[in-house]
Amino acid sequence: MAEECLLKDGMAVDMHRIGIDPPVDASRYDCVFIGTFTWDRGSTPDEVKDFVLEVGYKPERVAVFGTGDTQFGGDELFCRAVDKLAVFYGSSWPGLKIEQSPRGSQEQFVKNWIEGVLHDVKSLA
């Protein structure tokens, strides 16, 4: 869904599958979107930690999003990896946290978040 929104807005998009694709040169991008799930009672998955190490530095503009499930740990641990990554990168945007797969009204929430990030990135370019 995020890719569709970005393409519709005329942005060039490269998708990188964390843990599958070779490392990326994050310096080539105006903004890096990092998606994650939350693992083991609020932990960031090892694949995402490896991606952070592969990049090797903190890009200036990183927007973090992720899915979670409140039935595992409740609100306190819900999408905790999103919070951790947003703080780690000093993200200008609040992390987008969605319950599992976005549907219905959550889809509009995702679109609004992406539009907010895009607006900021365009104004900085």
PDB file of N, CA and C in Angstrom:
ATOM      1  N   MET A   1       0.815  -1.191   0.000  1.00  0.00           N
ATOM      2  CA  MET A   1       0.000   0.000   0.000  1.00  0.00           C
ATOM      3  C   MET A   1       0.862   1.260   0.000  1.00  0.00           C
ATOM      4  N   ALA A   2       1.943   1.268   0.790  1.00  0.00           N
ATOM      5  CA  ALA A   2       2.804   2.443   0.846  1.00  0.00           C
ATOM      6  C   ALA A   2       3.417   2.722  -0.521  1.00  0.00           C
ATOM      7  N   GLU A   3       3.886   1.669  -1.182  1.00  0.00           N
ATOM      8  CA  GLU A   3       4.489   1.836  -2.497  1.00  0.00           C
ATOM      9  C   GLU A   3       3.494   2.457  -3.471  1.00  0.00           C
ATOM     10  N   GLU A   4       2.249   1.986  -3.453  1.00  0.00           N
ATOM     11  CA  GLU A   4       1.220   2.526  -4.347  1.00  0.00           C
ATOM     12  C   GLU A   4       1.017   4.013  -4.106  1.00  0.00           C
ATOM     13  N   CYS A   5       0.965   4.411  -2.841  1.00  0.00           N
ATOM     14  CA  CYS A   5       0.763   5.827  -2.511  1.00  0.00           C
ATOM     15  C   CYS A   5       1.926   6.677  -2.997  1.00  0.00           C
ATOM     16  N   LEU A   6       3.140   6.188  -2.825  1.00  0.00           N
ATOM     17  CA  LEU A   6       4.315   6.937  -3.245  1.00  0.00           C
ATOM     18  C   LEU A   6       4.374   7.064  -4.765  1.00  0.00           C
ATOM     19  N   LEU A   7       4.105   5.974  -5.466  1.00  0.00           N
ATOM     20  CA  LEU A   7       4.121   6.003  -6.922  1.00  0.00           C
ATOM     21  C   LEU A   7       3.037   6.927  -7.466  1.00  0.00           C
ATOM     22  N   LYS A   8       1.874   6.884  -6.844  1.00  0.00           N
ATOM     23  CA  LYS A   8       0.764   7.734  -7.273  1.00  0.00           C
ATOM     24  C   LYS A   8       1.125   9.207  -7.136  1.00  0.00           C
ATOM     25  N   ASP A   9       1.975   9.515  -6.164  1.00  0.00           N
ATOM     26  CA  ASP A   9       2.401  10.889  -5.929  1.00  0.00           C
ATOM     27  C   ASP A   9       3.578  11.276  -6.820  1.00  0.00           C
ATOM     28  N   GLY A  10       4.009  10.359  -7.686  1.00  0.00           N
ATOM     29  CA  GLY A  10       5.086  10.653  -8.620  1.00  0.00           C
ATOM     30  C   GLY A  10       6.480  10.401  -8.082  1.00  0.00           C
ATOM     31  N   MET A  11       6.585   9.725  -6.960  1.00  0.00           N
ATOM     32  CA  MET A  11       7.887   9.439  -6.375  1.00  0.00           C
ATOM     33  C   MET A  11       8.489   8.188  -7.007  1.00  0.00           C
ATOM     34  N   ALA A  12       9.800   8.171  -7.146  1.00  0.00           N
ATOM     35  CA  ALA A  12      10.509   6.965  -7.566  1.00  0.00           C
ATOM     36  C   ALA A  12      10.670   6.079  -6.330  1.00  0.00           C
ATOM     37  N   VAL A  13      10.420   4.795  -6.478  1.00  0.00           N
ATOM     38  CA  VAL A  13      10.445   3.883  -5.340  1.00  0.00           C
ATOM     39  C   VAL A  13      11.307   2.672  -5.665  1.00  0.00           C
ATOM     40  N   ASP A  14      12.214   2.347  -4.763  1.00  0.00           N
ATOM     41  CA  ASP A  14      12.964   1.098  -4.819  1.00  0.00           C
ATOM     42  C   ASP A  14      12.578   0.305  -3.580  1.00  0.00           C
ATOM     43  N   MET A  15      12.155  -0.919  -3.789  1.00  0.00           N
ATOM     44  CA  MET A  15      11.782  -1.780  -2.662  1.00  0.00           C
ATOM     45  C   MET A  15      12.980  -2.648  -2.292  1.00  0.00           C
ATOM     46  N   HIS A  16      13.255  -2.743  -1.013  1.00  0.00           N
ATOM     47  CA  HIS A  16      14.320  -3.597  -0.503  1.00  0.00           C
ATOM     48  C   HIS A  16      13.703  -4.539   0.518  1.00  0.00           C
ATOM     49  N   ARG A  17      13.858  -5.809   0.311  1.00  0.00           N
ATOM     50  CA  ARG A  17      13.318  -6.796   1.249  1.00  0.00           C
ATOM     51  C   ARG A  17      14.388  -7.110   2.284  1.00  0.00           C
ATOM     52  N   ILE A  18      14.180  -6.596   3.487  1.00  0.00           N
ATOM     53  CA  ILE A  18      15.140  -6.768   4.568  1.00  0.00           C
ATOM     54  C   ILE A  18      15.337  -8.263   4.824  1.00  0.00           C
ATOM     55  N   GLY A  19      16.607  -8.646   4.897  1.00  0.00           N
ATOM     56  CA  GLY A  19      16.939 -10.040   5.165  1.00  0.00           C
ATOM     57  C   GLY A  19      16.985 -10.905   3.918  1.00  0.00           C
ATOM     58  N   ILE A  20      16.595 -10.338   2.769  1.00  0.00           N
ATOM     59  CA  ILE A  20      16.579 -11.110   1.521  1.00  0.00           C
ATOM     60  C   ILE A  20      17.480 -10.464   0.470  1.00  0.00           C
ATOM     61  N   ASP A  21      17.265  -9.175   0.212  1.00  0.00           N
ATOM     62  CA  ASP A  21      18.010  -8.469  -0.824  1.00  0.00           C
ATOM     63  C   ASP A  21      19.385  -8.030  -0.314  1.00  0.00           C
ATOM     64  N   PRO A  22      20.345  -7.811  -1.236  1.00  0.00           N
ATOM     65  CA  PRO A  22      21.667  -7.328  -0.826  1.00  0.00           C
ATOM     66  C   PRO A  22      21.563  -5.932  -0.209  1.00  0.00           C
ATOM     67  N   PRO A  23      22.592  -5.513   0.527  1.00  0.00           N
ATOM     68  CA  PRO A  23      22.576  -4.195   1.179  1.00  0.00           C
ATOM     69  C   PRO A  23      22.301  -3.064   0.189  1.00  0.00           C
ATOM     70  N   VAL A  24      21.769  -1.978   0.710  1.00  0.00           N
ATOM     71  CA  VAL A  24      21.460  -0.799  -0.104  1.00  0.00           C
ATOM     72  C   VAL A  24      22.385   0.354   0.264  1.00  0.00           C
ATOM     73  N   ASP A  25      22.527   1.284  -0.667  1.00  0.00           N
ATOM     74  CA  ASP A  25      23.246   2.528  -0.413  1.00  0.00           C
ATOM     75  C   ASP A  25      22.196   3.577  -0.085  1.00  0.00           C
ATOM     76  N   ALA A  26      21.916   3.756   1.188  1.00  0.00           N
ATOM     77  CA  ALA A  26      20.840   4.652   1.624  1.00  0.00           C
ATOM     78  C   ALA A  26      21.087   6.101   1.228  1.00  0.00           C
ATOM     79  N   SER A  27      22.322   6.460   0.939  1.00  0.00           N
ATOM     80  CA  SER A  27      22.623   7.846   0.560  1.00  0.00           C
ATOM     81  C   SER A  27      22.016   8.223  -0.791  1.00  0.00           C
ATOM     82  N   ARG A  28      21.554   7.255  -1.552  1.00  0.00           N
ATOM     83  CA  ARG A  28      20.938   7.514  -2.864  1.00  0.00           C
ATOM     84  C   ARG A  28      19.504   8.029  -2.741  1.00  0.00           C
ATOM     85  N   TYR A  29      18.937   8.035  -1.548  1.00  0.00           N
ATOM     86  CA  TYR A  29      17.512   8.305  -1.375  1.00  0.00           C
ATOM     87  C   TYR A  29      17.263   9.570  -0.565  1.00  0.00           C
ATOM     88  N   ASP A  30      16.189  10.286  -0.955  1.00  0.00           N
ATOM     89  CA  ASP A  30      15.774  11.468  -0.198  1.00  0.00           C
ATOM     90  C   ASP A  30      15.166  11.073   1.144  1.00  0.00           C
ATOM     91  N   CYS A  31      14.562   9.907   1.181  1.00  0.00           N
ATOM     92  CA  CYS A  31      13.930   9.410   2.402  1.00  0.00           C
ATOM     93  C   CYS A  31      13.942   7.886   2.355  1.00  0.00           C
ATOM     94  N   VAL A  32      14.175   7.289   3.507  1.00  0.00           N
ATOM     95  CA  VAL A  32      14.153   5.837   3.623  1.00  0.00           C
ATOM     96  C   VAL A  32      12.981   5.463   4.527  1.00  0.00           C
ATOM     97  N   PHE A  33      12.108   4.614   4.018  1.00  0.00           N
ATOM     98  CA  PHE A  33      11.001   4.081   4.806  1.00  0.00           C
ATOM     99  C   PHE A  33      11.415   2.695   5.280  1.00  0.00           C
ATOM    100  N   ILE A  34      11.362   2.474   6.576  1.00  0.00           N
ATOM    101  CA  ILE A  34      11.714   1.161   7.123  1.00  0.00           C
ATOM    102  C   ILE A  34      10.468   0.555   7.748  1.00  0.00           C
ATOM    103  N   GLY A  35      10.123  -0.636   7.276  1.00  0.00           N
ATOM    104  CA  GLY A  35       8.982  -1.363   7.819  1.00  0.00           C
ATOM    105  C   GLY A  35       9.464  -2.520   8.679  1.00  0.00           C
ATOM    106  N   THR A  36       8.780  -2.735   9.786  1.00  0.00           N
ATOM    107  CA  THR A  36       9.176  -3.801  10.695  1.00  0.00           C
ATOM    108  C   THR A  36       7.958  -4.389  11.396  1.00  0.00           C
ATOM    109  N   PHE A  37       8.100  -5.585  11.853  1.00  0.00           N
ATOM    110  CA  PHE A  37       7.149  -6.140  12.800  1.00  0.00           C
ATOM    111  C   PHE A  37       7.830  -6.114  14.159  1.00  0.00           C
ATOM    112  N   THR A  38       7.098  -6.390  15.204  1.00  0.00           N
ATOM    113  CA  THR A  38       7.677  -6.442  16.546  1.00  0.00           C
ATOM    114  C   THR A  38       7.728  -7.893  16.981  1.00  0.00           C
ATOM    115  N   TRP A  39       8.818  -8.259  17.603  1.00  0.00           N
ATOM    116  CA  TRP A  39       9.119  -9.644  17.910  1.00  0.00           C
ATOM    117  C   TRP A  39       9.333  -9.836  19.405  1.00  0.00           C
ATOM    118  N   ASP A  40       8.994 -10.983  19.894  1.00  0.00           N
ATOM    119  CA  ASP A  40       9.405 -11.416  21.235  1.00  0.00           C
ATOM    120  C   ASP A  40       9.225 -10.339  22.309  1.00  0.00           C
ATOM    121  N   ARG A  41       7.986  -9.999  22.570  1.00  0.00           N
ATOM    122  CA  ARG A  41       7.641  -9.063  23.641  1.00  0.00           C
ATOM    123  C   ARG A  41       8.289  -7.688  23.493  1.00  0.00           C
ATOM    124  N   GLY A  42       8.182  -7.128  22.302  1.00  0.00           N
ATOM    125  CA  GLY A  42       8.626  -5.762  22.082  1.00  0.00           C
ATOM    126  C   GLY A  42       9.986  -5.597  21.435  1.00  0.00           C
ATOM    127  N   SER A  43      10.580  -6.660  20.965  1.00  0.00           N
ATOM    128  CA  SER A  43      11.924  -6.588  20.383  1.00  0.00           C
ATOM    129  C   SER A  43      11.899  -6.278  18.884  1.00  0.00           C
ATOM    130  N   THR A  44      12.989  -5.683  18.438  1.00  0.00           N
ATOM    131  CA  THR A  44      13.195  -5.465  17.010  1.00  0.00           C
ATOM    132  C   THR A  44      13.739  -6.760  16.414  1.00  0.00           C
ATOM    133  N   PRO A  45      13.200  -7.208  15.286  1.00  0.00           N
ATOM    134  CA  PRO A  45      13.667  -8.456  14.679  1.00  0.00           C
ATOM    135  C   PRO A  45      15.153  -8.379  14.286  1.00  0.00           C
ATOM    136  N   ASP A  46      15.848  -9.510  14.388  1.00  0.00           N
ATOM    137  CA  ASP A  46      17.268  -9.570  14.040  1.00  0.00           C
ATOM    138  C   ASP A  46      17.525  -9.112  12.609  1.00  0.00           C
ATOM    139  N   GLU A  47      16.619  -9.452  11.675  1.00  0.00           N
ATOM    140  CA  GLU A  47      16.803  -9.047  10.281  1.00  0.00           C
ATOM    141  C   GLU A  47      16.845  -7.527  10.140  1.00  0.00           C
ATOM    142  N   VAL A  48      16.034  -6.847  10.927  1.00  0.00           N
ATOM    143  CA  VAL A  48      16.003  -5.382  10.863  1.00  0.00           C
ATOM    144  C   VAL A  48      17.269  -4.810  11.505  1.00  0.00           C
ATOM    145  N   LYS A  49      17.705  -5.406  12.597  1.00  0.00           N
ATOM    146  CA  LYS A  49      18.964  -4.971  13.216  1.00  0.00           C
ATOM    147  C   LYS A  49      20.123  -5.157  12.240  1.00  0.00           C
ATOM    148  N   ASP A  50      20.137  -6.278  11.525  1.00  0.00           N
ATOM    149  CA  ASP A  50      21.182  -6.520  10.517  1.00  0.00           C
ATOM    150  C   ASP A  50      21.137  -5.468   9.417  1.00  0.00           C
ATOM    151  N   PHE A  51      19.930  -5.079   8.992  1.00  0.00           N
ATOM    152  CA  PHE A  51      19.781  -4.040   7.974  1.00  0.00           C
ATOM    153  C   PHE A  51      20.399  -2.732   8.461  1.00  0.00           C
ATOM    154  N   VAL A  52      20.128  -2.363   9.699  1.00  0.00           N
ATOM    155  CA  VAL A  52      20.683  -1.135  10.277  1.00  0.00           C
ATOM    156  C   VAL A  52      22.213  -1.188  10.214  1.00  0.00           C
ATOM    157  N   LEU A  53      22.782  -2.326  10.563  1.00  0.00           N
ATOM    158  CA  LEU A  53      24.241  -2.470  10.520  1.00  0.00           C
ATOM    159  C   LEU A  53      24.770  -2.444   9.088  1.00  0.00           C
ATOM    160  N   GLU A  54      24.019  -3.031   8.147  1.00  0.00           N
ATOM    161  CA  GLU A  54      24.430  -3.025   6.740  1.00  0.00           C
ATOM    162  C   GLU A  54      24.496  -1.606   6.186  1.00  0.00           C
ATOM    163  N   VAL A  55      23.521  -0.778   6.533  1.00  0.00           N
ATOM    164  CA  VAL A  55      23.517   0.608   6.061  1.00  0.00           C
ATOM    165  C   VAL A  55      24.747   1.325   6.620  1.00  0.00           C
ATOM    166  N   GLY A  56      25.076   1.078   7.872  1.00  0.00           N
ATOM    167  CA  GLY A  56      26.323   1.558   8.444  1.00  0.00           C
ATOM    168  C   GLY A  56      26.326   2.971   8.993  1.00  0.00           C
ATOM    169  N   TYR A  57      25.270   3.704   8.826  1.00  0.00           N
ATOM    170  CA  TYR A  57      25.162   5.055   9.372  1.00  0.00           C
ATOM    171  C   TYR A  57      23.680   5.384   9.490  1.00  0.00           C
ATOM    172  N   LYS A  58      23.378   6.520  10.085  1.00  0.00           N
ATOM    173  CA  LYS A  58      21.990   6.926  10.249  1.00  0.00           C
ATOM    174  C   LYS A  58      21.628   7.948   9.176  1.00  0.00           C
ATOM    175  N   PRO A  59      20.863   7.514   8.149  1.00  0.00           N
ATOM    176  CA  PRO A  59      20.427   8.480   7.131  1.00  0.00           C
ATOM    177  C   PRO A  59      19.632   9.613   7.776  1.00  0.00           C
ATOM    178  N   GLU A  60      19.660  10.761   7.130  1.00  0.00           N
ATOM    179  CA  GLU A  60      19.022  11.949   7.699  1.00  0.00           C
ATOM    180  C   GLU A  60      17.506  11.824   7.798  1.00  0.00           C
ATOM    181  N   ARG A  61      16.880  11.240   6.790  1.00  0.00           N
ATOM    182  CA  ARG A  61      15.413  11.163   6.763  1.00  0.00           C
ATOM    183  C   ARG A  61      14.971   9.706   6.709  1.00  0.00           C
ATOM    184  N   VAL A  62      14.484   9.229   7.854  1.00  0.00           N
ATOM    185  CA  VAL A  62      13.989   7.857   7.953  1.00  0.00           C
ATOM    186  C   VAL A  62      12.590   7.906   8.554  1.00  0.00           C
ATOM    187  N   ALA A  63      11.657   7.274   7.877  1.00  0.00           N
ATOM    188  CA  ALA A  63      10.280   7.149   8.366  1.00  0.00           C
ATOM    189  C   ALA A  63      10.053   5.665   8.669  1.00  0.00           C
ATOM    190  N   VAL A  64       9.530   5.376   9.839  1.00  0.00           N
ATOM    191  CA  VAL A  64       9.395   3.993  10.291  1.00  0.00           C
ATOM    192  C   VAL A  64       7.920   3.626  10.426  1.00  0.00           C
ATOM    193  N   PHE A  65       7.592   2.439   9.925  1.00  0.00           N
ATOM    194  CA  PHE A  65       6.229   1.935  10.052  1.00  0.00           C
ATOM    195  C   PHE A  65       6.276   0.463  10.414  1.00  0.00           C
ATOM    196  N   GLY A  66       5.173  -0.036  10.945  1.00  0.00           N
ATOM    197  CA  GLY A  66       5.155  -1.453  11.271  1.00  0.00           C
ATOM    198  C   GLY A  66       3.790  -1.937  11.692  1.00  0.00           C
ATOM    199  N   THR A  67       3.692  -3.242  11.720  1.00  0.00           N
ATOM    200  CA  THR A  67       2.456  -3.887  12.155  1.00  0.00           C
ATOM    201  C   THR A  67       2.694  -4.594  13.476  1.00  0.00           C
ATOM    202  N   GLY A  68       1.620  -4.782  14.188  1.00  0.00           N
ATOM    203  CA  GLY A  68       1.705  -5.464  15.471  1.00  0.00           C
ATOM    204  C   GLY A  68       0.391  -6.127  15.793  1.00  0.00           C
ATOM    205  N   ASP A  69       0.333  -6.642  16.999  1.00  0.00           N
ATOM    206  CA  ASP A  69      -0.853  -7.349  17.458  1.00  0.00           C
ATOM    207  C   ASP A  69      -1.002  -7.085  18.946  1.00  0.00           C
ATOM    208  N   THR A  70      -2.035  -6.345  19.325  1.00  0.00           N
ATOM    209  CA  THR A  70      -2.210  -5.978  20.732  1.00  0.00           C
ATOM    210  C   THR A  70      -2.492  -7.175  21.636  1.00  0.00           C
ATOM    211  N   GLN A  71      -2.872  -8.299  21.062  1.00  0.00           N
ATOM    212  CA  GLN A  71      -3.158  -9.460  21.919  1.00  0.00           C
ATOM    213  C   GLN A  71      -1.878 -10.047  22.516  1.00  0.00           C
ATOM    214  N   PHE A  72      -0.709  -9.679  21.973  1.00  0.00           N
ATOM    215  CA  PHE A  72       0.569 -10.133  22.503  1.00  0.00           C
ATOM    216  C   PHE A  72       1.267  -8.981  23.210  1.00  0.00           C
ATOM    217  N   GLY A  73       0.971  -8.781  24.474  1.00  0.00           N
ATOM    218  CA  GLY A  73       1.638  -7.753  25.253  1.00  0.00           C
ATOM    219  C   GLY A  73       0.847  -6.481  25.456  1.00  0.00           C
ATOM    220  N   GLY A  74      -0.315  -6.372  24.834  1.00  0.00           N
ATOM    221  CA  GLY A  74      -1.149  -5.197  25.036  1.00  0.00           C
ATOM    222  C   GLY A  74      -0.556  -3.937  24.435  1.00  0.00           C
ATOM    223  N   ASP A  75      -1.106  -2.808  24.821  1.00  0.00           N
ATOM    224  CA  ASP A  75      -0.699  -1.520  24.256  1.00  0.00           C
ATOM    225  C   ASP A  75       0.758  -1.170  24.561  1.00  0.00           C
ATOM    226  N   GLU A  76       1.264  -1.594  25.696  1.00  0.00           N
ATOM    227  CA  GLU A  76       2.631  -1.251  26.094  1.00  0.00           C
ATOM    228  C   GLU A  76       3.678  -1.788  25.109  1.00  0.00           C
ATOM    229  N   LEU A  77       3.450  -2.972  24.581  1.00  0.00           N
ATOM    230  CA  LEU A  77       4.420  -3.598  23.671  1.00  0.00           C
ATOM    231  C   LEU A  77       4.006  -3.510  22.204  1.00  0.00           C
ATOM    232  N   PHE A  78       2.826  -2.961  21.941  1.00  0.00           N
ATOM    233  CA  PHE A  78       2.304  -2.889  20.575  1.00  0.00           C
ATOM    234  C   PHE A  78       3.259  -2.110  19.665  1.00  0.00           C
ATOM    235  N   CYS A  79       3.768  -2.762  18.641  1.00  0.00           N
ATOM    236  CA  CYS A  79       4.661  -2.150  17.652  1.00  0.00           C
ATOM    237  C   CYS A  79       5.857  -1.455  18.297  1.00  0.00           C
ATOM    238  N   ARG A  80       6.360  -2.021  19.364  1.00  0.00           N
ATOM    239  CA  ARG A  80       7.471  -1.418  20.101  1.00  0.00           C
ATOM    240  C   ARG A  80       8.711  -1.242  19.224  1.00  0.00           C
ATOM    241  N   ALA A  81       8.929  -2.148  18.256  1.00  0.00           N
ATOM    242  CA  ALA A  81      10.082  -2.018  17.364  1.00  0.00           C
ATOM    243  C   ALA A  81       9.996  -0.726  16.551  1.00  0.00           C
ATOM    244  N   VAL A  82       8.786  -0.309  16.187  1.00  0.00           N
ATOM    245  CA  VAL A  82       8.605   0.957  15.456  1.00  0.00           C
ATOM    246  C   VAL A  82       9.093   2.109  16.324  1.00  0.00           C
ATOM    247  N   ASP A  83       8.676   2.126  17.580  1.00  0.00           N
ATOM    248  CA  ASP A  83       9.103   3.188  18.496  1.00  0.00           C
ATOM    249  C   ASP A  83      10.619   3.210  18.654  1.00  0.00           C
ATOM    250  N   LYS A  84      11.210   2.033  18.835  1.00  0.00           N
ATOM    251  CA  LYS A  84      12.664   1.946  19.042  1.00  0.00           C
ATOM    252  C   LYS A  84      13.429   2.462  17.832  1.00  0.00           C
ATOM    253  N   LEU A  85      13.002   2.059  16.639  1.00  0.00           N
ATOM    254  CA  LEU A  85      13.696   2.498  15.426  1.00  0.00           C
ATOM    255  C   LEU A  85      13.518   3.995  15.178  1.00  0.00           C
ATOM    256  N   ALA A  86      12.318   4.510  15.419  1.00  0.00           N
ATOM    257  CA  ALA A  86      12.079   5.946  15.223  1.00  0.00           C
ATOM    258  C   ALA A  86      12.979   6.770  16.150  1.00  0.00           C
ATOM    259  N   VAL A  87      13.138   6.330  17.383  1.00  0.00           N
ATOM    260  CA  VAL A  87      14.029   7.021  18.322  1.00  0.00           C
ATOM    261  C   VAL A  87      15.484   6.866  17.881  1.00  0.00           C
ATOM    262  N   PHE A  88      15.882   5.658  17.519  1.00  0.00           N
ATOM    263  CA  PHE A  88      17.256   5.401  17.096  1.00  0.00           C
ATOM    264  C   PHE A  88      17.655   6.321  15.942  1.00  0.00           C
ATOM    265  N   TYR A  89      16.784   6.459  14.950  1.00  0.00           N
ATOM    266  CA  TYR A  89      17.084   7.288  13.789  1.00  0.00           C
ATOM    267  C   TYR A  89      16.783   8.770  14.011  1.00  0.00           C
ATOM    268  N   GLY A  90      16.184   9.117  15.134  1.00  0.00           N
ATOM    269  CA  GLY A  90      15.812  10.508  15.364  1.00  0.00           C
ATOM    270  C   GLY A  90      14.834  10.984  14.307  1.00  0.00           C
ATOM    271  N   SER A  91      13.889  10.114  13.958  1.00  0.00           N
ATOM    272  CA  SER A  91      12.949  10.393  12.884  1.00  0.00           C
ATOM    273  C   SER A  91      12.135  11.652  13.161  1.00  0.00           C
ATOM    274  N   SER A  92      11.928  12.408  12.110  1.00  0.00           N
ATOM    275  CA  SER A  92      11.106  13.620  12.203  1.00  0.00           C
ATOM    276  C   SER A  92       9.620  13.304  12.284  1.00  0.00           C
ATOM    277  N   TRP A  93       9.262  12.055  12.010  1.00  0.00           N
ATOM    278  CA  TRP A  93       7.866  11.657  11.958  1.00  0.00           C
ATOM    279  C   TRP A  93       7.567  10.605  13.013  1.00  0.00           C
ATOM    280  N   PRO A  94       6.377  10.663  13.577  1.00  0.00           N
ATOM    281  CA  PRO A  94       6.003   9.584  14.500  1.00  0.00           C
ATOM    282  C   PRO A  94       5.907   8.282  13.714  1.00  0.00           C
ATOM    283  N   GLY A  95       6.279   7.196  14.345  1.00  0.00           N
ATOM    284  CA  GLY A  95       6.179   5.906  13.671  1.00  0.00           C
ATOM    285  C   GLY A  95       4.727   5.554  13.404  1.00  0.00           C
ATOM    286  N   LEU A  96       4.496   4.946  12.269  1.00  0.00           N
ATOM    287  CA  LEU A  96       3.152   4.479  11.913  1.00  0.00           C
ATOM    288  C   LEU A  96       2.984   3.071  12.458  1.00  0.00           C
ATOM    289  N   LYS A  97       2.000   2.891  13.324  1.00  0.00           N
ATOM    290  CA  LYS A  97       1.758   1.587  13.942  1.00  0.00           C
ATOM    291  C   LYS A  97       0.347   1.121  13.591  1.00  0.00           C
ATOM    292  N   ILE A  98       0.299  -0.059  12.964  1.00  0.00           N
ATOM    293  CA  ILE A  98      -0.967  -0.602  12.487  1.00  0.00           C
ATOM    294  C   ILE A  98      -1.161  -2.006  13.045  1.00  0.00           C
ATOM    295  N   GLU A  99      -2.381  -2.303  13.425  1.00  0.00           N
ATOM    296  CA  GLU A  99      -2.741  -3.643  13.885  1.00  0.00           C
ATOM    297  C   GLU A  99      -2.736  -4.594  12.697  1.00  0.00           C
ATOM    298  N   GLN A 100      -1.816  -5.533  12.699  1.00  0.00           N
ATOM    299  CA  GLN A 100      -1.673  -6.557  11.657  1.00  0.00           C
ATOM    300  C   GLN A 100      -1.784  -5.971  10.257  1.00  0.00           C
ATOM    301  N   SER A 101      -2.674  -6.466   9.437  1.00  0.00           N
ATOM    302  CA  SER A 101      -2.808  -6.016   8.052  1.00  0.00           C
ATOM    303  C   SER A 101      -3.829  -4.883   7.974  1.00  0.00           C
ATOM    304  N   PRO A 102      -3.428  -3.705   7.429  1.00  0.00           N
ATOM    305  CA  PRO A 102      -4.362  -2.579   7.411  1.00  0.00           C
ATOM    306  C   PRO A 102      -5.587  -2.832   6.526  1.00  0.00           C
ATOM    307  N   ARG A 103      -6.747  -2.522   7.102  1.00  0.00           N
ATOM    308  CA  ARG A 103      -8.018  -2.667   6.379  1.00  0.00           C
ATOM    309  C   ARG A 103      -8.921  -1.491   6.732  1.00  0.00           C
ATOM    310  N   GLY A 104      -9.856  -1.226   5.853  1.00  0.00           N
ATOM    311  CA  GLY A 104     -10.880  -0.213   6.128  1.00  0.00           C
ATOM    312  C   GLY A 104     -10.306   1.134   6.503  1.00  0.00           C
ATOM    313  N   SER A 105     -10.693   1.639   7.665  1.00  0.00           N
ATOM    314  CA  SER A 105     -10.273   2.968   8.100  1.00  0.00           C
ATOM    315  C   SER A 105      -8.761   3.044   8.323  1.00  0.00           C
ATOM    316  N   GLN A 106      -8.121   1.906   8.605  1.00  0.00           N
ATOM    317  CA  GLN A 106      -6.669   1.915   8.785  1.00  0.00           C
ATOM    318  C   GLN A 106      -5.953   2.281   7.489  1.00  0.00           C
ATOM    319  N   GLU A 107      -6.532   1.912   6.343  1.00  0.00           N
ATOM    320  CA  GLU A 107      -5.914   2.257   5.064  1.00  0.00           C
ATOM    321  C   GLU A 107      -5.814   3.768   4.900  1.00  0.00           C
ATOM    322  N   GLN A 108      -6.842   4.489   5.285  1.00  0.00           N
ATOM    323  CA  GLN A 108      -6.804   5.951   5.200  1.00  0.00           C
ATOM    324  C   GLN A 108      -5.775   6.509   6.172  1.00  0.00           C
ATOM    325  N   PHE A 109      -5.642   5.905   7.337  1.00  0.00           N
ATOM    326  CA  PHE A 109      -4.643   6.315   8.325  1.00  0.00           C
ATOM    327  C   PHE A 109      -3.238   6.180   7.730  1.00  0.00           C
ATOM    328  N   VAL A 110      -2.985   5.079   7.029  1.00  0.00           N
ATOM    329  CA  VAL A 110      -1.695   4.848   6.370  1.00  0.00           C
ATOM    330  C   VAL A 110      -1.458   5.917   5.300  1.00  0.00           C
ATOM    331  N   LYS A 111      -2.451   6.166   4.470  1.00  0.00           N
ATOM    332  CA  LYS A 111      -2.318   7.163   3.405  1.00  0.00           C
ATOM    333  C   LYS A 111      -2.037   8.551   3.984  1.00  0.00           C
ATOM    334  N   ASN A 112      -2.717   8.916   5.047  1.00  0.00           N
ATOM    335  CA  ASN A 112      -2.502  10.217   5.680  1.00  0.00           C
ATOM    336  C   ASN A 112      -1.077  10.342   6.216  1.00  0.00           C
ATOM    337  N   TRP A 113      -0.563   9.267   6.818  1.00  0.00           N
ATOM    338  CA  TRP A 113       0.797   9.273   7.352  1.00  0.00           C
ATOM    339  C   TRP A 113       1.803   9.454   6.221  1.00  0.00           C
ATOM    340  N   ILE A 114       1.626   8.697   5.146  1.00  0.00           N
ATOM    341  CA  ILE A 114       2.537   8.787   3.998  1.00  0.00           C
ATOM    342  C   ILE A 114       2.496  10.192   3.400  1.00  0.00           C
ATOM    343  N   GLU A 115       1.311  10.752   3.239  1.00  0.00           N
ATOM    344  CA  GLU A 115       1.186  12.102   2.688  1.00  0.00           C
ATOM    345  C   GLU A 115       1.894  13.123   3.573  1.00  0.00           C
ATOM    346  N   GLY A 116       1.819  12.950   4.891  1.00  0.00           N
ATOM    347  CA  GLY A 116       2.517  13.850   5.810  1.00  0.00           C
ATOM    348  C   GLY A 116       4.023  13.760   5.652  1.00  0.00           C
ATOM    349  N   VAL A 117       4.544  12.547   5.524  1.00  0.00           N
ATOM    350  CA  VAL A 117       5.980  12.361   5.315  1.00  0.00           C
ATOM    351  C   VAL A 117       6.386  12.979   3.981  1.00  0.00           C
ATOM    352  N   LEU A 118       5.635  12.683   2.921  1.00  0.00           N
ATOM    353  CA  LEU A 118       5.953  13.218   1.594  1.00  0.00           C
ATOM    354  C   LEU A 118       5.957  14.742   1.578  1.00  0.00           C
ATOM    355  N   HIS A 119       4.977  15.334   2.213  1.00  0.00           N
ATOM    356  CA  HIS A 119       4.899  16.794   2.275  1.00  0.00           C
ATOM    357  C   HIS A 119       6.170  17.364   2.878  1.00  0.00           C
ATOM    358  N   ASP A 120       6.615  16.773   3.982  1.00  0.00           N
ATOM    359  CA  ASP A 120       7.826  17.253   4.646  1.00  0.00           C
ATOM    360  C   ASP A 120       9.062  17.036   3.785  1.00  0.00           C
ATOM    361  N   VAL A 121       9.177  15.883   3.160  1.00  0.00           N
ATOM    362  CA  VAL A 121      10.350  15.571   2.335  1.00  0.00           C
ATOM    363  C   VAL A 121      10.412  16.533   1.151  1.00  0.00           C
ATOM    364  N   LYS A 122       9.274  16.775   0.510  1.00  0.00           N
ATOM    365  CA  LYS A 122       9.252  17.698  -0.643  1.00  0.00           C
ATOM    366  C   LYS A 122       9.630  19.118  -0.229  1.00  0.00           C
ATOM    367  N   SER A 123       9.204  19.537   0.944  1.00  0.00           N
ATOM    368  CA  SER A 123       9.509  20.899   1.378  1.00  0.00           C
ATOM    369  C   SER A 123      10.989  21.052   1.736  1.00  0.00           C
ATOM    370  N   LEU A 124      11.658  19.945   2.044  1.00  0.00           N
ATOM    371  CA  LEU A 124      13.083  19.989   2.352  1.00  0.00           C
ATOM    372  C   LEU A 124      13.957  19.858   1.120  1.00  0.00           C
ATOM    373  N   ALA A 125      13.366  19.415   0.027  1.00  0.00           N
ATOM    374  CA  ALA A 125      14.175  19.177  -1.202  1.00  0.00           C
ATOM    375  C   ALA A 125      14.524  20.441  -1.923  1.00  0.00           C
TER     376      ALA A 125
END
